Amino acid sequence: MTFTFSGELLIFMILGISSLIGGILLLQLKKVVHMVMALVLTFVSLAGIYVTLSAEFVAVVQILIYSGAITIIMLFGIMLTRHQDEDQEKEAGKWPTFLLFLGIFGFAVVMYYGIFHLDIPEQASNLHVDNTKQIGVSLFSKYVIPFELTSVLLLAALVGAIVLAKKDDEKEGDSSS
């Protein structure tokens, strides 16, 4: 298998590395708001990867739903909960760090072997032609029941969140009187 270096490959690698950096920062940062911002970096990088893979619709959905809605919900959840934002210093020994790097190295070896020893026959595809139309037709014909069940589930979660928030407001109003 031979690779040709192109601008598209360079952009893909930059976005992949920035996605990994966002994930690592998410795990390493101490403040929760900074963690959410690192998560946004990861989400936006993944949207860029989707664009390089000619999945524009999925990239737009990634930006709207994950980078926008999910991040805002997480920030509201962080801001509305009562928590102590004290930094607790953890003493990590050398063994957990060594095991972490050993696990990362093992994962890299498995991924390398999986990617470079995989033999997928080349097929003609029409992925670049009307991909949004193909998704819409498939979603509203083949997967209409799961799509509607998901919307009902999200509506139930929204109503439950409103009811729980209203109960908290009532309890605070009673205790302050």
C-alpha atoms as a PDB file:
ATOM      1  CA  MET A   1       0.000   0.000   0.000  1.00  0.00           C
ATOM      2  CA  THR A   2       1.460   3.362  -1.000  1.00  0.00           C
ATOM      3  CA  PHE A   3       0.405   6.798   0.125  1.00  0.00           C
ATOM      4  CA  THR A   4       0.642   9.971  -1.874  1.00  0.00           C
ATOM      5  CA  PHE A   5       1.136  13.100   0.158  1.00  0.00           C
ATOM      6  CA  SER A   6      -1.468  15.731  -0.644  1.00  0.00           C
ATOM      7  CA  GLY A   7      -2.996  18.803   0.912  1.00  0.00           C
ATOM      8  CA  GLU A   8      -6.055  16.813   1.890  1.00  0.00           C
ATOM      9  CA  LEU A   9      -3.890  14.305   3.776  1.00  0.00           C
ATOM     10  CA  LEU A  10      -2.051  17.164   5.509  1.00  0.00           C
ATOM     11  CA  ILE A  11      -5.335  18.757   6.637  1.00  0.00           C
ATOM     12  CA  PHE A  12      -6.602  15.346   7.771  1.00  0.00           C
ATOM     13  CA  MET A  13      -3.458  14.801   9.862  1.00  0.00           C
ATOM     14  CA  ILE A  14      -3.625  18.290  11.390  1.00  0.00           C
ATOM     15  CA  LEU A  15      -7.286  17.800  12.316  1.00  0.00           C
ATOM     16  CA  GLY A  16      -6.576  14.341  13.693  1.00  0.00           C
ATOM     17  CA  ILE A  17      -3.732  15.618  15.856  1.00  0.00           C
ATOM     18  CA  SER A  18      -5.821  18.558  17.107  1.00  0.00           C
ATOM     19  CA  SER A  19      -8.623  16.119  17.952  1.00  0.00           C
ATOM     20  CA  LEU A  20      -6.181  14.006  19.962  1.00  0.00           C
ATOM     21  CA  ILE A  21      -4.808  17.112  21.687  1.00  0.00           C
ATOM     22  CA  GLY A  22      -8.356  18.136  22.642  1.00  0.00           C
ATOM     23  CA  GLY A  23      -9.018  14.693  24.093  1.00  0.00           C
ATOM     24  CA  ILE A  24      -5.768  14.696  26.055  1.00  0.00           C
ATOM     25  CA  LEU A  25      -6.453  18.195  27.370  1.00  0.00           C
ATOM     26  CA  LEU A  26      -9.948  17.092  28.363  1.00  0.00           C
ATOM     27  CA  LEU A  27      -8.407  14.450  30.595  1.00  0.00           C
ATOM     28  CA  GLN A  28      -5.563  16.580  31.951  1.00  0.00           C
ATOM     29  CA  LEU A  29      -7.177  19.947  32.720  1.00  0.00           C
ATOM     30  CA  LYS A  30      -8.404  20.670  36.251  1.00  0.00           C
ATOM     31  CA  LYS A  31     -11.214  23.181  35.750  1.00  0.00           C
ATOM     32  CA  VAL A  32     -14.471  21.842  34.389  1.00  0.00           C
ATOM     33  CA  VAL A  33     -15.135  24.779  32.057  1.00  0.00           C
ATOM     34  CA  HIS A  34     -11.677  24.342  30.515  1.00  0.00           C
ATOM     35  CA  MET A  35     -12.464  20.656  30.041  1.00  0.00           C
ATOM     36  CA  VAL A  36     -15.612  21.565  28.120  1.00  0.00           C
ATOM     37  CA  MET A  37     -13.629  23.917  25.899  1.00  0.00           C
ATOM     38  CA  ALA A  38     -11.164  21.096  25.157  1.00  0.00           C
ATOM     39  CA  LEU A  39     -14.149  18.945  24.270  1.00  0.00           C
ATOM     40  CA  VAL A  40     -15.310  21.642  21.846  1.00  0.00           C
ATOM     41  CA  LEU A  41     -11.869  21.526  20.195  1.00  0.00           C
ATOM     42  CA  THR A  42     -12.273  17.779  19.757  1.00  0.00           C
ATOM     43  CA  PHE A  43     -15.789  18.123  18.345  1.00  0.00           C
ATOM     44  CA  VAL A  44     -14.787  20.838  15.859  1.00  0.00           C
ATOM     45  CA  SER A  45     -11.742  18.830  14.758  1.00  0.00           C
ATOM     46  CA  LEU A  46     -13.956  15.805  14.158  1.00  0.00           C
ATOM     47  CA  ALA A  47     -16.297  17.963  12.079  1.00  0.00           C
ATOM     48  CA  GLY A  48     -13.310  19.017   9.979  1.00  0.00           C
ATOM     49  CA  ILE A  49     -12.352  15.375   9.509  1.00  0.00           C
ATOM     50  CA  TYR A  50     -15.886  14.655   8.311  1.00  0.00           C
ATOM     51  CA  VAL A  51     -15.538  17.438   5.743  1.00  0.00           C
ATOM     52  CA  THR A  52     -12.299  15.947   4.417  1.00  0.00           C
ATOM     53  CA  LEU A  53     -14.116  12.602   4.105  1.00  0.00           C
ATOM     54  CA  SER A  54     -16.870  14.256   1.992  1.00  0.00           C
ATOM     55  CA  ALA A  55     -19.515  13.879   4.689  1.00  0.00           C
ATOM     56  CA  GLU A  56     -20.622  17.491   4.815  1.00  0.00           C
ATOM     57  CA  PHE A  57     -24.020  16.755   6.337  1.00  0.00           C
ATOM     58  CA  VAL A  58     -22.465  14.808   9.204  1.00  0.00           C
ATOM     59  CA  ALA A  59     -19.973  17.658   9.740  1.00  0.00           C
ATOM     60  CA  VAL A  60     -22.772  20.220   9.994  1.00  0.00           C
ATOM     61  CA  VAL A  61     -24.695  17.977  12.391  1.00  0.00           C
ATOM     62  CA  GLN A  62     -21.498  17.528  14.426  1.00  0.00           C
ATOM     63  CA  ILE A  63     -21.116  21.304  14.731  1.00  0.00           C
ATOM     64  CA  LEU A  64     -24.783  22.011  15.463  1.00  0.00           C
ATOM     65  CA  ILE A  65     -25.536  19.190  17.860  1.00  0.00           C
ATOM     66  CA  TYR A  66     -22.276  18.342  19.587  1.00  0.00           C
ATOM     67  CA  SER A  67     -20.263  21.548  19.441  1.00  0.00           C
ATOM     68  CA  GLY A  68     -23.337  23.672  19.992  1.00  0.00           C
ATOM     69  CA  ALA A  69     -26.145  21.997  21.857  1.00  0.00           C
ATOM     70  CA  ILE A  70     -24.347  19.362  23.921  1.00  0.00           C
ATOM     71  CA  THR A  71     -21.625  21.788  24.970  1.00  0.00           C
ATOM     72  CA  ILE A  72     -24.181  24.409  26.015  1.00  0.00           C
ATOM     73  CA  ILE A  73     -26.139  21.806  27.979  1.00  0.00           C
ATOM     74  CA  MET A  74     -22.942  20.708  29.732  1.00  0.00           C
ATOM     75  CA  LEU A  75     -22.030  24.309  30.587  1.00  0.00           C
ATOM     76  CA  PHE A  76     -25.530  24.977  31.948  1.00  0.00           C
ATOM     77  CA  GLY A  77     -25.312  21.792  33.983  1.00  0.00           C
ATOM     78  CA  ILE A  78     -21.960  22.860  35.390  1.00  0.00           C
ATOM     79  CA  MET A  79     -23.130  26.374  36.167  1.00  0.00           C
ATOM     80  CA  LEU A  80     -26.429  25.313  37.757  1.00  0.00           C
ATOM     81  CA  THR A  81     -25.025  22.653  40.064  1.00  0.00           C
ATOM     82  CA  ARG A  82     -23.501  23.435  43.397  1.00  0.00           C
ATOM     83  CA  HIS A  83     -19.972  22.162  43.576  1.00  0.00           C
ATOM     84  CA  GLN A  84     -16.775  23.153  45.230  1.00  0.00           C
ATOM     85  CA  ASP A  85     -14.265  24.188  42.602  1.00  0.00           C
ATOM     86  CA  GLU A  86     -11.239  23.425  44.694  1.00  0.00           C
ATOM     87  CA  ASP A  87      -8.212  21.905  43.075  1.00  0.00           C
ATOM     88  CA  GLN A  88      -7.278  18.693  44.781  1.00  0.00           C
ATOM     89  CA  GLU A  89      -3.698  17.712  44.189  1.00  0.00           C
ATOM     90  CA  LYS A  90      -3.303  14.058  43.408  1.00  0.00           C
ATOM     91  CA  GLU A  91      -0.055  12.287  43.943  1.00  0.00           C
ATOM     92  CA  ALA A  92       0.396   9.899  41.080  1.00  0.00           C
ATOM     93  CA  GLY A  93       3.259   7.492  41.283  1.00  0.00           C
ATOM     94  CA  LYS A  94       5.404   6.289  38.440  1.00  0.00           C
ATOM     95  CA  TRP A  95       3.515   3.018  37.978  1.00  0.00           C
ATOM     96  CA  PRO A  96       0.179   4.529  36.868  1.00  0.00           C
ATOM     97  CA  THR A  97       2.003   6.788  34.422  1.00  0.00           C
ATOM     98  CA  PHE A  98       4.039   3.861  33.107  1.00  0.00           C
ATOM     99  CA  LEU A  99       0.891   1.743  32.712  1.00  0.00           C
ATOM    100  CA  LEU A 100      -0.825   4.617  30.926  1.00  0.00           C
ATOM    101  CA  PHE A 101       1.973   4.949  28.387  1.00  0.00           C
ATOM    102  CA  LEU A 102       2.168   1.171  28.026  1.00  0.00           C
ATOM    103  CA  GLY A 103      -1.559   1.104  27.249  1.00  0.00           C
ATOM    104  CA  ILE A 104      -1.202   3.949  24.730  1.00  0.00           C
ATOM    105  CA  PHE A 105       1.711   2.171  23.051  1.00  0.00           C
ATOM    106  CA  GLY A 106      -0.248  -1.096  22.899  1.00  0.00           C
ATOM    107  CA  PHE A 107      -3.231   0.688  21.388  1.00  0.00           C
ATOM    108  CA  ALA A 108      -0.979   2.350  18.783  1.00  0.00           C
ATOM    109  CA  VAL A 109       0.554  -1.010  17.821  1.00  0.00           C
ATOM    110  CA  VAL A 110      -2.867  -2.638  17.451  1.00  0.00           C
ATOM    111  CA  MET A 111      -4.168   0.275  15.380  1.00  0.00           C
ATOM    112  CA  TYR A 112      -1.068   0.247  13.169  1.00  0.00           C
ATOM    113  CA  TYR A 113      -1.431  -3.474  12.562  1.00  0.00           C
ATOM    114  CA  GLY A 114      -5.157  -3.144  11.937  1.00  0.00           C
ATOM    115  CA  ILE A 115      -4.843  -0.287   9.473  1.00  0.00           C
ATOM    116  CA  PHE A 116      -1.838  -1.406   7.452  1.00  0.00           C
ATOM    117  CA  HIS A 117      -2.699  -5.099   7.246  1.00  0.00           C
ATOM    118  CA  LEU A 118      -6.341  -4.641   6.319  1.00  0.00           C
ATOM    119  CA  ASP A 119      -7.241  -5.686   2.791  1.00  0.00           C
ATOM    120  CA  ILE A 120     -10.445  -4.023   1.673  1.00  0.00           C
ATOM    121  CA  PRO A 121     -11.310  -4.504  -1.987  1.00  0.00           C
ATOM    122  CA  GLU A 122     -11.952  -1.299  -3.875  1.00  0.00           C
ATOM    123  CA  GLN A 123     -15.567  -0.703  -4.849  1.00  0.00           C
ATOM    124  CA  ALA A 124     -17.288   1.867  -6.956  1.00  0.00           C
ATOM    125  CA  SER A 125     -19.293   4.177  -4.763  1.00  0.00           C
ATOM    126  CA  ASN A 126     -21.468   7.212  -5.204  1.00  0.00           C
ATOM    127  CA  LEU A 127     -20.843   8.689  -1.757  1.00  0.00           C
ATOM    128  CA  HIS A 128     -20.111  12.156  -3.108  1.00  0.00           C
ATOM    129  CA  VAL A 129     -23.384  12.393  -5.005  1.00  0.00           C
ATOM    130  CA  ASP A 130     -26.402  13.687  -3.059  1.00  0.00           C
ATOM    131  CA  ASN A 131     -25.181  12.366   0.286  1.00  0.00           C
ATOM    132  CA  THR A 132     -27.651  14.523   2.235  1.00  0.00           C
ATOM    133  CA  LYS A 133     -30.518  13.246   0.089  1.00  0.00           C
ATOM    134  CA  GLN A 134     -29.374   9.651   0.625  1.00  0.00           C
ATOM    135  CA  ILE A 135     -29.307  10.180   4.397  1.00  0.00           C
ATOM    136  CA  GLY A 136     -32.768  11.782   4.377  1.00  0.00           C
ATOM    137  CA  VAL A 137     -34.346   9.039   2.272  1.00  0.00           C
ATOM    138  CA  SER A 138     -32.794   6.338   4.449  1.00  0.00           C
ATOM    139  CA  LEU A 139     -33.724   8.109   7.687  1.00  0.00           C
ATOM    140  CA  PHE A 140     -37.362   8.735   6.804  1.00  0.00           C
ATOM    141  CA  SER A 141     -38.041   5.424   5.089  1.00  0.00           C
ATOM    142  CA  LYS A 142     -35.949   2.688   6.663  1.00  0.00           C
ATOM    143  CA  TYR A 143     -35.284   4.221  10.109  1.00  0.00           C
ATOM    144  CA  VAL A 144     -38.424   6.304  10.729  1.00  0.00           C
ATOM    145  CA  ILE A 145     -39.516   4.400  13.881  1.00  0.00           C
ATOM    146  CA  PRO A 146     -36.158   4.722  15.724  1.00  0.00           C
ATOM    147  CA  PHE A 147     -35.993   8.377  14.635  1.00  0.00           C
ATOM    148  CA  GLU A 148     -39.423   9.117  16.109  1.00  0.00           C
ATOM    149  CA  LEU A 149     -38.684   7.134  19.281  1.00  0.00           C
ATOM    150  CA  THR A 150     -35.527   9.190  19.748  1.00  0.00           C
ATOM    151  CA  SER A 151     -37.508  12.417  19.443  1.00  0.00           C
ATOM    152  CA  VAL A 152     -40.030  11.187  22.055  1.00  0.00           C
ATOM    153  CA  LEU A 153     -37.165  10.191  24.374  1.00  0.00           C
ATOM    154  CA  LEU A 154     -35.548  13.629  24.023  1.00  0.00           C
ATOM    155  CA  LEU A 155     -38.897  15.325  24.686  1.00  0.00           C
ATOM    156  CA  ALA A 156     -39.393  13.214  27.835  1.00  0.00           C
ATOM    157  CA  ALA A 157     -35.888  14.150  29.022  1.00  0.00           C
ATOM    158  CA  LEU A 158     -36.638  17.842  28.432  1.00  0.00           C
ATOM    159  CA  VAL A 159     -39.925  17.678  30.355  1.00  0.00           C
ATOM    160  CA  GLY A 160     -38.209  15.771  33.185  1.00  0.00           C
ATOM    161  CA  ALA A 161     -35.446  18.369  33.401  1.00  0.00           C
ATOM    162  CA  ILE A 162     -38.010  21.172  33.590  1.00  0.00           C
ATOM    163  CA  VAL A 163     -39.962  19.373  36.337  1.00  0.00           C
ATOM    164  CA  LEU A 164     -36.781  18.745  38.358  1.00  0.00           C
ATOM    165  CA  ALA A 165     -35.653  22.364  37.958  1.00  0.00           C
ATOM    166  CA  LYS A 166     -39.083  23.626  39.045  1.00  0.00           C
ATOM    167  CA  LYS A 167     -39.004  21.429  42.182  1.00  0.00           C
ATOM    168  CA  ASP A 168     -35.574  22.814  43.107  1.00  0.00           C
ATOM    169  CA  ASP A 169     -36.844  26.380  42.690  1.00  0.00           C
ATOM    170  CA  GLU A 170     -39.864  25.640  44.912  1.00  0.00           C
ATOM    171  CA  LYS A 171     -37.638  24.155  47.652  1.00  0.00           C
ATOM    172  CA  GLU A 172     -35.333  27.206  47.587  1.00  0.00           C
ATOM    173  CA  GLY A 173     -38.337  29.550  47.772  1.00  0.00           C
ATOM    174  CA  ASP A 174     -39.725  27.697  50.791  1.00  0.00           C
ATOM    175  CA  SER A 175     -36.439  27.643  52.692  1.00  0.00           C
ATOM    176  CA  SER A 176     -35.716  31.331  52.134  1.00  0.00           C
ATOM    177  CA  SER A 177     -39.062  32.475  53.550  1.00  0.00           C
END
